[in-house]
PDB file of N, CA and C in Angstrom:
ATOM      1  N   UNK A   1      10.157 341.943 -59.984  1.00  0.00           N
ATOM      2  CA  UNK A   1       8.142 342.033 -60.928  1.00  0.00           C
ATOM      3  C   UNK A   1       8.109 340.915 -60.464  1.00  0.00           C
ATOM      4  N   UNK A   2       7.084 339.807 -60.102  1.00  0.00           N
ATOM      5  CA  UNK A   2       6.933 338.595 -60.381  1.00  0.00           C
ATOM      6  C   UNK A   2       7.145 338.267 -61.355  1.00  0.00           C
ATOM      7  N   UNK A   3       7.177 337.108 -61.754  1.00  0.00           N
ATOM      8  CA  UNK A   3       7.314 336.176 -63.049  1.00  0.00           C
ATOM      9  C   UNK A   3       5.381 336.174 -63.457  1.00  0.00           C
ATOM     10  N   UNK A   4       5.081 335.973 -62.895  1.00  0.00           N
ATOM     11  CA  UNK A   4       3.564 335.721 -63.500  1.00  0.00           C
ATOM     12  C   UNK A   4       3.245 337.466 -63.894  1.00  0.00           C
ATOM     13  N   UNK A   5       2.971 338.484 -62.716  1.00  0.00           N
ATOM     14  CA  UNK A   5       2.824 339.235 -63.283  1.00  0.00           C
ATOM     15  C   UNK A   5       3.754 340.348 -64.644  1.00  0.00           C
ATOM     16  N   UNK A   6       4.510 339.961 -64.212  1.00  0.00           N
ATOM     17  CA  UNK A   6       5.354 339.909 -66.031  1.00  0.00           C
ATOM     18  C   UNK A   6       4.910 339.145 -67.233  1.00  0.00           C
ATOM     19  N   UNK A   7       4.867 338.127 -66.975  1.00  0.00           N
ATOM     20  CA  UNK A   7       4.598 337.418 -68.193  1.00  0.00           C
ATOM     21  C   UNK A   7       2.771 337.544 -68.247  1.00  0.00           C
ATOM     22  N   UNK A   8       1.559 337.943 -67.534  1.00  0.00           N
ATOM     23  CA  UNK A   8       0.891 339.047 -68.026  1.00  0.00           C
ATOM     24  C   UNK A   8       1.062 340.052 -68.465  1.00  0.00           C
ATOM     25  N   UNK A   9       1.543 340.977 -68.395  1.00  0.00           N
ATOM     26  CA  UNK A   9       2.164 342.323 -68.665  1.00  0.00           C
ATOM     27  C   UNK A   9       2.472 341.993 -70.468  1.00  0.00           C
ATOM     28  N   UNK A  10       3.055 341.322 -70.426  1.00  0.00           N
ATOM     29  CA  UNK A  10       3.865 340.931 -72.304  1.00  0.00           C
ATOM     30  C   UNK A  10       2.505 340.362 -72.851  1.00  0.00           C
ATOM     31  N   UNK A  11       1.749 339.432 -72.112  1.00  0.00           N
ATOM     32  CA  UNK A  11       0.806 338.723 -72.957  1.00  0.00           C
ATOM     33  C   UNK A  11      -0.120 339.689 -73.209  1.00  0.00           C
ATOM     34  N   UNK A  12      -0.410 340.676 -72.280  1.00  0.00           N
ATOM     35  CA  UNK A  12      -1.333 341.731 -72.734  1.00  0.00           C
ATOM     36  C   UNK A  12      -1.123 342.696 -73.873  1.00  0.00           C
ATOM     37  N   UNK A  13       0.095 342.704 -73.794  1.00  0.00           N
ATOM     38  CA  UNK A  13       0.665 343.844 -75.001  1.00  0.00           C
ATOM     39  C   UNK A  13       0.854 343.499 -76.803  1.00  0.00           C
ATOM     40  N   UNK A  14       0.820 341.731 -76.232  1.00  0.00           N
ATOM     41  CA  UNK A  14       0.430 341.155 -77.686  1.00  0.00           C
ATOM     42  C   UNK A  14      -0.638 340.917 -77.991  1.00  0.00           C
ATOM     43  N   UNK A  15      -1.160 341.036 -77.034  1.00  0.00           N
ATOM     44  CA  UNK A  15      -3.033 340.356 -77.173  1.00  0.00           C
ATOM     45  C   UNK A  15      -3.505 342.131 -77.918  1.00  0.00           C
ATOM     46  N   UNK A  16      -3.341 343.158 -77.381  1.00  0.00           N
ATOM     47  CA  UNK A  16      -3.576 344.180 -77.863  1.00  0.00           C
ATOM     48  C   UNK A  16      -3.377 344.464 -78.912  1.00  0.00           C
ATOM     49  N   UNK A  17      -2.194 344.444 -79.445  1.00  0.00           N
ATOM     50  CA  UNK A  17      -1.907 344.824 -80.748  1.00  0.00           C
ATOM     51  C   UNK A  17      -2.074 343.638 -81.623  1.00  0.00           C
ATOM     52  N   UNK A  18      -2.079 342.900 -81.228  1.00  0.00           N
ATOM     53  CA  UNK A  18      -3.121 341.541 -82.408  1.00  0.00           C
ATOM     54  C   UNK A  18      -4.363 341.663 -82.210  1.00  0.00           C
ATOM     55  N   UNK A  19      -5.223 342.279 -81.095  1.00  0.00           N
ATOM     56  CA  UNK A  19      -6.594 342.550 -81.421  1.00  0.00           C
ATOM     57  C   UNK A  19      -7.008 343.513 -82.461  1.00  0.00           C
ATOM     58  N   UNK A  20      -6.003 344.976 -82.128  1.00  0.00           N
ATOM     59  CA  UNK A  20      -6.623 345.904 -82.339  1.00  0.00           C
ATOM     60  C   UNK A  20      -6.179 345.717 -84.370  1.00  0.00           C
ATOM     61  N   UNK A  21      -4.878 344.976 -84.391  1.00  0.00           N
ATOM     62  CA  UNK A  21      -5.083 344.929 -85.639  1.00  0.00           C
ATOM     63  C   UNK A  21      -5.841 343.830 -86.525  1.00  0.00           C
ATOM     64  N   UNK A  22      -5.993 343.134 -86.228  1.00  0.00           N
ATOM     65  CA  UNK A  22      -7.199 341.999 -86.653  1.00  0.00           C
ATOM     66  C   UNK A  22      -8.588 343.359 -86.897  1.00  0.00           C
ATOM     67  N   UNK A  23      -9.113 343.393 -85.970  1.00  0.00           N
ATOM     68  CA  UNK A  23     -10.455 344.284 -85.779  1.00  0.00           C
ATOM     69  C   UNK A  23     -10.539 345.169 -86.314  1.00  0.00           C
ATOM     70  N   UNK A  24      -9.326 346.060 -86.286  1.00  0.00           N
ATOM     71  CA  UNK A  24      -9.493 347.071 -87.925  1.00  0.00           C
ATOM     72  C   UNK A  24      -9.486 346.855 -89.090  1.00  0.00           C
ATOM     73  N   UNK A  25      -8.686 345.531 -89.906  1.00  0.00           N
ATOM     74  CA  UNK A  25      -8.826 344.635 -90.742  1.00  0.00           C
ATOM     75  C   UNK A  25      -9.817 344.378 -90.784  1.00  0.00           C
ATOM     76  N   UNK A  26     -10.839 343.938 -89.802  1.00  0.00           N
ATOM     77  CA  UNK A  26     -12.119 343.633 -90.151  1.00  0.00           C
ATOM     78  C   UNK A  26     -13.279 344.542 -90.425  1.00  0.00           C
ATOM     79  N   UNK A  27     -12.992 346.018 -89.855  1.00  0.00           N
ATOM     80  CA  UNK A  27     -14.291 346.733 -89.862  1.00  0.00           C
ATOM     81  C   UNK A  27     -13.530 347.952 -90.588  1.00  0.00           C
ATOM     82  N   UNK A  28     -12.634 348.398 -90.150  1.00  0.00           N
ATOM     83  CA  UNK A  28     -11.926 349.506 -90.975  1.00  0.00           C
ATOM     84  C   UNK A  28     -11.984 350.820 -89.972  1.00  0.00           C
ATOM     85  N   UNK A  29     -12.247 350.427 -89.025  1.00  0.00           N
ATOM     86  CA  UNK A  29     -12.866 351.417 -88.346  1.00  0.00           C
ATOM     87  C   UNK A  29     -11.198 351.713 -86.737  1.00  0.00           C
ATOM     88  N   UNK A  30     -10.936 352.493 -86.364  1.00  0.00           N
ATOM     89  CA  UNK A  30      -9.798 352.841 -85.711  1.00  0.00           C
ATOM     90  C   UNK A  30     -10.848 353.290 -84.401  1.00  0.00           C
ATOM     91  N   UNK A  31     -11.623 353.527 -83.693  1.00  0.00           N
ATOM     92  CA  UNK A  31     -12.435 353.619 -83.161  1.00  0.00           C
ATOM     93  C   UNK A  31     -13.193 352.446 -82.323  1.00  0.00           C
ATOM     94  N   UNK A  32     -13.426 351.729 -83.655  1.00  0.00           N
ATOM     95  CA  UNK A  32     -13.916 350.547 -83.257  1.00  0.00           C
ATOM     96  C   UNK A  32     -13.281 349.118 -82.667  1.00  0.00           C
ATOM     97  N   UNK A  33     -11.863 349.416 -83.605  1.00  0.00           N
ATOM     98  CA  UNK A  33     -10.961 348.305 -83.291  1.00  0.00           C
ATOM     99  C   UNK A  33     -10.094 348.444 -82.120  1.00  0.00           C
ATOM    100  N   UNK A  34     -10.105 350.094 -81.814  1.00  0.00           N
ATOM    101  CA  UNK A  34      -9.758 350.251 -80.614  1.00  0.00           C
ATOM    102  C   UNK A  34     -10.704 349.802 -79.426  1.00  0.00           C
ATOM    103  N   UNK A  35     -11.542 350.442 -79.355  1.00  0.00           N
ATOM    104  CA  UNK A  35     -12.891 349.097 -78.554  1.00  0.00           C
ATOM    105  C   UNK A  35     -12.367 347.813 -78.070  1.00  0.00           C
ATOM    106  N   UNK A  36     -12.505 347.125 -79.626  1.00  0.00           N
ATOM    107  CA  UNK A  36     -12.585 345.237 -78.826  1.00  0.00           C
ATOM    108  C   UNK A  36     -11.269 345.490 -78.531  1.00  0.00           C
ATOM    109  N   UNK A  37      -9.908 345.780 -79.120  1.00  0.00           N
ATOM    110  CA  UNK A  37      -8.246 346.027 -78.513  1.00  0.00           C
ATOM    111  C   UNK A  37      -8.438 345.889 -77.053  1.00  0.00           C
ATOM    112  N   UNK A  38      -8.891 347.157 -76.620  1.00  0.00           N
ATOM    113  CA  UNK A  38      -8.944 347.189 -75.073  1.00  0.00           C
ATOM    114  C   UNK A  38      -9.785 345.952 -74.025  1.00  0.00           C
ATOM    115  N   UNK A  39     -11.001 345.977 -74.709  1.00  0.00           N
ATOM    116  CA  UNK A  39     -11.975 345.351 -73.759  1.00  0.00           C
ATOM    117  C   UNK A  39     -11.741 343.618 -73.695  1.00  0.00           C
ATOM    118  N   UNK A  40     -11.455 343.161 -74.785  1.00  0.00           N
ATOM    119  CA  UNK A  40     -11.355 341.876 -74.599  1.00  0.00           C
ATOM    120  C   UNK A  40     -10.061 341.380 -74.315  1.00  0.00           C
ATOM    121  N   UNK A  41      -8.716 342.079 -74.791  1.00  0.00           N
ATOM    122  CA  UNK A  41      -7.614 341.531 -73.839  1.00  0.00           C
ATOM    123  C   UNK A  41      -7.499 341.576 -72.809  1.00  0.00           C
ATOM    124  N   UNK A  42      -7.869 342.626 -72.727  1.00  0.00           N
ATOM    125  CA  UNK A  42      -7.926 343.146 -70.646  1.00  0.00           C
ATOM    126  C   UNK A  42      -8.977 341.689 -69.871  1.00  0.00           C
ATOM    127  N   UNK A  43     -10.428 341.729 -70.269  1.00  0.00           N
ATOM    128  CA  UNK A  43     -10.335 340.441 -69.621  1.00  0.00           C
ATOM    129  C   UNK A  43      -9.862 339.291 -69.648  1.00  0.00           C
ATOM    130  N   UNK A  44      -9.218 338.929 -70.960  1.00  0.00           N
ATOM    131  CA  UNK A  44      -8.363 338.010 -71.253  1.00  0.00           C
ATOM    132  C   UNK A  44      -7.190 337.548 -70.673  1.00  0.00           C
ATOM    133  N   UNK A  45      -6.438 339.485 -70.112  1.00  0.00           N
ATOM    134  CA  UNK A  45      -4.846 339.130 -69.334  1.00  0.00           C
ATOM    135  C   UNK A  45      -5.400 338.625 -67.671  1.00  0.00           C
ATOM    136  N   UNK A  46      -6.610 338.876 -67.212  1.00  0.00           N
ATOM    137  CA  UNK A  46      -6.822 338.952 -66.286  1.00  0.00           C
ATOM    138  C   UNK A  46      -7.817 337.495 -65.900  1.00  0.00           C
ATOM    139  N   UNK A  47      -7.999 337.061 -66.962  1.00  0.00           N
ATOM    140  CA  UNK A  47      -8.220 335.789 -66.773  1.00  0.00           C
ATOM    141  C   UNK A  47      -7.267 334.495 -67.068  1.00  0.00           C
ATOM    142  N   UNK A  48      -5.860 334.712 -67.483  1.00  0.00           N
ATOM    143  CA  UNK A  48      -4.756 334.196 -67.606  1.00  0.00           C
ATOM    144  C   UNK A  48      -3.739 333.938 -66.836  1.00  0.00           C
ATOM    145  N   UNK A  49      -4.365 335.567 -65.819  1.00  0.00           N
ATOM    146  CA  UNK A  49      -3.370 335.976 -64.770  1.00  0.00           C
ATOM    147  C   UNK A  49      -3.693 334.612 -63.612  1.00  0.00           C
ATOM    148  N   UNK A  50      -5.140 334.472 -63.362  1.00  0.00           N
ATOM    149  CA  UNK A  50      -5.530 333.143 -62.626  1.00  0.00           C
ATOM    150  C   UNK A  50      -5.189 332.346 -62.849  1.00  0.00           C
ATOM    151  N   UNK A  51      -5.280 332.073 -64.134  1.00  0.00           N
ATOM    152  CA  UNK A  51      -5.196 330.496 -65.001  1.00  0.00           C
ATOM    153  C   UNK A  51      -3.833 330.238 -64.251  1.00  0.00           C
ATOM    154  N   UNK A  52      -2.820 330.817 -64.872  1.00  0.00           N
ATOM    155  CA  UNK A  52      -1.069 330.574 -64.347  1.00  0.00           C
ATOM    156  C   UNK A  52      -1.341 330.370 -62.538  1.00  0.00           C
ATOM    157  N   UNK A  53      -1.914 331.040 -62.268  1.00  0.00           N
ATOM    158  CA  UNK A  53      -1.827 330.525 -60.533  1.00  0.00           C
ATOM    159  C   UNK A  53      -2.190 329.387 -60.172  1.00  0.00           C
ATOM    160  N   UNK A  54      -3.533 329.074 -60.941  1.00  0.00           N
ATOM    161  CA  UNK A  54      -4.270 327.915 -60.453  1.00  0.00           C
ATOM    162  C   UNK A  54      -3.221 326.560 -61.133  1.00  0.00           C
ATOM    163  N   UNK A  55      -2.446 326.963 -62.104  1.00  0.00           N
ATOM    164  CA  UNK A  55      -1.635 325.697 -62.556  1.00  0.00           C
ATOM    165  C   UNK A  55      -0.539 325.721 -61.563  1.00  0.00           C
ATOM    166  N   UNK A  56       0.069 326.685 -61.017  1.00  0.00           N
ATOM    167  CA  UNK A  56       1.434 326.842 -60.529  1.00  0.00           C
ATOM    168  C   UNK A  56       0.866 326.322 -59.040  1.00  0.00           C
ATOM    169  N   UNK A  57      -0.602 326.540 -58.490  1.00  0.00           N
ATOM    170  CA  UNK A  57      -0.924 325.538 -57.407  1.00  0.00           C
ATOM    171  C   UNK A  57      -1.067 324.149 -57.758  1.00  0.00           C
ATOM    172  N   UNK A  58      -1.796 323.846 -58.475  1.00  0.00           N
ATOM    173  CA  UNK A  58      -2.028 322.255 -58.873  1.00  0.00           C
ATOM    174  C   UNK A  58      -0.396 322.028 -58.852  1.00  0.00           C
ATOM    175  N   UNK A  59       0.762 322.316 -59.200  1.00  0.00           N
ATOM    176  CA  UNK A  59       2.412 321.644 -59.250  1.00  0.00           C
ATOM    177  C   UNK A  59       2.627 321.248 -58.021  1.00  0.00           C
ATOM    178  N   UNK A  60       2.201 322.517 -57.486  1.00  0.00           N
ATOM    179  CA  UNK A  60       2.564 322.678 -55.555  1.00  0.00           C
ATOM    180  C   UNK A  60       2.116 321.267 -55.549  1.00  0.00           C
ATOM    181  N   UNK A  61       1.018 321.383 -55.357  1.00  0.00           N
ATOM    182  CA  UNK A  61      -0.115 320.278 -54.960  1.00  0.00           C
ATOM    183  C   UNK A  61       0.084 319.197 -55.129  1.00  0.00           C
ATOM    184  N   UNK A  62       0.863 318.488 -56.322  1.00  0.00           N
ATOM    185  CA  UNK A  62       1.626 317.339 -57.100  1.00  0.00           C
ATOM    186  C   UNK A  62       2.966 317.052 -56.436  1.00  0.00           C
ATOM    187  N   UNK A  63       3.763 318.210 -56.211  1.00  0.00           N
ATOM    188  CA  UNK A  63       4.753 317.775 -55.629  1.00  0.00           C
ATOM    189  C   UNK A  63       4.545 317.509 -54.221  1.00  0.00           C
ATOM    190  N   UNK A  64       3.252 318.109 -53.132  1.00  0.00           N
ATOM    191  CA  UNK A  64       3.145 317.685 -51.758  1.00  0.00           C
ATOM    192  C   UNK A  64       2.751 315.890 -51.731  1.00  0.00           C
ATOM    193  N   UNK A  65       2.079 315.853 -52.445  1.00  0.00           N
ATOM    194  CA  UNK A  65       1.177 314.725 -52.979  1.00  0.00           C
ATOM    195  C   UNK A  65       2.844 313.700 -53.046  1.00  0.00           C
ATOM    196  N   UNK A  66       3.644 313.704 -53.977  1.00  0.00           N
ATOM    197  CA  UNK A  66       4.177 312.970 -54.174  1.00  0.00           C
ATOM    198  C   UNK A  66       5.493 312.685 -52.770  1.00  0.00           C
ATOM    199  N   UNK A  67       5.636 313.289 -52.694  1.00  0.00           N
ATOM    200  CA  UNK A  67       6.438 313.314 -51.404  1.00  0.00           C
ATOM    201  C   UNK A  67       6.182 312.626 -50.180  1.00  0.00           C
TER     202      UNK A  67
END
């Protein structure tokens, strides 16, 4: 499994747990906390994956320009 994908999945797991916990404490509703915990972190995980790809590409570009 590529490192970027592994990092994305572990980040998603962490974010789901935190998102659910915070939403549950704030709302007291398992259903509402579950909905928030699924939607928001999943969108962030996709954004994080592409964010990592962009930074990796920028690093490669910097190395090529320096050479």
